[in-house]
Protein backbone atom coordinates (compact mmCIF):
# COMPACT_ATOMS: atom_id res chain seq x y z
CA UNK A 1 -0.06 -0.06 -0.05
CA UNK A 2 1.37 3.39 -1.00
CA UNK A 3 1.53 6.28 1.43
CA UNK A 4 -0.72 9.35 0.83
CA UNK A 5 2.42 11.40 -0.22
CA UNK A 6 3.35 8.83 -2.78
CA UNK A 7 -0.26 8.66 -4.16
CA UNK A 8 -0.33 12.42 -4.39
CA UNK A 9 2.95 12.52 -6.10
CA UNK A 10 1.68 9.95 -8.67
CA UNK A 11 -1.54 11.80 -9.13
CA UNK A 12 0.53 14.97 -9.82
CA UNK A 13 2.75 13.18 -12.37
CA UNK A 14 -0.05 11.88 -14.21
CA UNK A 15 -1.74 15.19 -14.26
CA UNK A 16 1.30 16.75 -15.72
CA UNK A 17 1.66 14.11 -18.22
CA UNK A 18 -1.94 14.30 -19.42
CA UNK A 19 -1.68 18.22 -19.75
CA UNK A 20 1.52 17.86 -21.74
CA UNK A 21 -0.23 15.33 -24.00
CA UNK A 22 -3.35 17.48 -24.50
CA UNK A 23 -1.10 20.64 -25.37
CA UNK A 24 0.84 18.38 -27.88
CA UNK A 25 -2.37 17.15 -29.39
CA UNK A 26 -3.60 20.75 -29.68
CA UNK A 27 -0.29 21.76 -31.53
CA UNK A 28 -0.57 18.73 -33.87
CA UNK A 29 -4.17 19.63 -34.59
CA UNK A 30 -3.08 23.24 -35.25
CA UNK A 31 -0.43 22.04 -37.62
CA UNK A 32 -2.73 19.66 -39.47
CA UNK A 33 -5.23 22.42 -39.86
CA UNK A 34 -2.50 24.70 -41.28
CA UNK A 35 -1.30 22.03 -43.59
CA UNK A 36 -4.79 21.68 -44.98
CA UNK A 37 -5.08 25.47 -45.37
CA UNK A 38 -1.84 25.40 -47.24
CA UNK A 39 -2.99 22.64 -49.60
CA UNK A 40 -6.18 24.43 -50.21
CA UNK A 41 -4.53 27.74 -50.89
CA UNK A 42 -2.19 26.12 -53.43
CA UNK A 43 -5.17 24.83 -55.16
CA UNK A 44 -7.57 27.54 -54.92
CA UNK A 45 -5.66 30.72 -54.65
CA UNK A 46 -5.64 32.91 -57.84
CA UNK A 47 -2.19 33.66 -59.32
CA UNK A 48 -0.44 30.59 -57.98
CA UNK A 49 -1.10 28.50 -61.09
CA UNK A 50 -0.82 31.40 -63.41
CA UNK A 51 2.29 31.99 -65.53
CA UNK A 52 4.65 34.52 -64.05
CA UNK A 53 4.68 37.53 -66.15
CA UNK A 54 6.39 40.67 -65.35
CA UNK A 55 5.56 44.33 -66.12
CA UNK A 56 7.27 44.24 -69.68
CA UNK A 57 5.94 40.73 -70.26
CA UNK A 58 9.37 38.97 -69.92
CA UNK A 59 10.70 40.18 -66.84
CA UNK A 60 10.45 37.75 -63.92
CA UNK A 61 12.17 39.40 -61.14
CA UNK A 62 9.26 41.42 -59.94
CA UNK A 63 6.37 38.94 -59.94
CA UNK A 64 5.87 39.12 -56.22
CA UNK A 65 4.89 42.82 -56.60
CA UNK A 66 2.45 42.10 -59.43
CA UNK A 67 -1.37 42.06 -59.09
CA UNK A 68 -1.44 38.18 -59.13
CA UNK A 69 0.85 37.79 -56.28
CA UNK A 70 -1.82 37.57 -53.61
CA UNK A 71 -1.73 33.80 -53.71
CA UNK A 72 1.94 33.53 -53.25
CA UNK A 73 1.74 35.69 -50.12
CA UNK A 74 -1.03 33.67 -48.56
CA UNK A 75 0.85 30.41 -49.29
CA UNK A 76 4.04 31.89 -47.89
CA UNK A 77 2.22 32.98 -44.63
CA UNK A 78 0.66 29.61 -44.25
CA UNK A 79 3.95 27.82 -44.81
CA UNK A 80 5.63 29.97 -42.25
CA UNK A 81 2.84 29.23 -39.80
CA UNK A 82 3.20 25.50 -40.39
CA UNK A 83 6.99 25.70 -39.77
CA UNK A 84 6.42 27.42 -36.51
CA UNK A 85 3.89 24.93 -35.41
CA UNK A 86 6.34 22.15 -36.29
CA UNK A 87 9.14 23.82 -34.38
CA UNK A 88 6.88 24.16 -31.32
CA UNK A 89 5.93 20.41 -31.59
CA UNK A 90 9.60 19.54 -31.76
CA UNK A 91 10.43 21.56 -28.80
CA UNK A 92 7.53 20.33 -26.73
CA UNK A 93 8.40 16.65 -27.47
CA UNK A 94 12.14 17.28 -26.41
CA UNK A 95 10.86 19.00 -23.21
CA UNK A 96 8.69 16.01 -22.35
CA UNK A 97 11.48 13.46 -22.97
CA UNK A 98 13.88 15.44 -20.83
CA UNK A 99 11.26 15.69 -18.04
CA UNK A 100 10.70 11.95 -18.37
CA UNK A 101 14.43 11.26 -18.25
CA UNK A 102 14.88 13.54 -15.29
CA UNK A 103 12.04 11.72 -13.32
CA UNK A 104 13.60 8.37 -14.06
CA UNK A 105 16.89 9.54 -12.62
CA UNK A 106 15.29 10.84 -9.50
CA UNK A 107 13.34 7.65 -8.96
CA UNK A 108 16.49 5.50 -9.42
């Protein structure tokens, strides 16, 4: 039979674990949503599938400033958001692993 202190420590450990898992699931859901938005933006955004034509008809350097560049900007913003979410997921997973390793060391 465990003591009350050991039981409370176990409850606290499980609570932290499930909170971390819930936060990780939220970030994963956000990443999946951003990925779906990125795919939709690539398929539906105007100007993404059009041919790049510059101001003089053959200049390709300034296409991002052209009137058809709205789709490119949306896709770039969504891709940046997806990258941020992926970085946060990796950081969160490393933190969870470090916490688990630290707890194993203290229990041993």
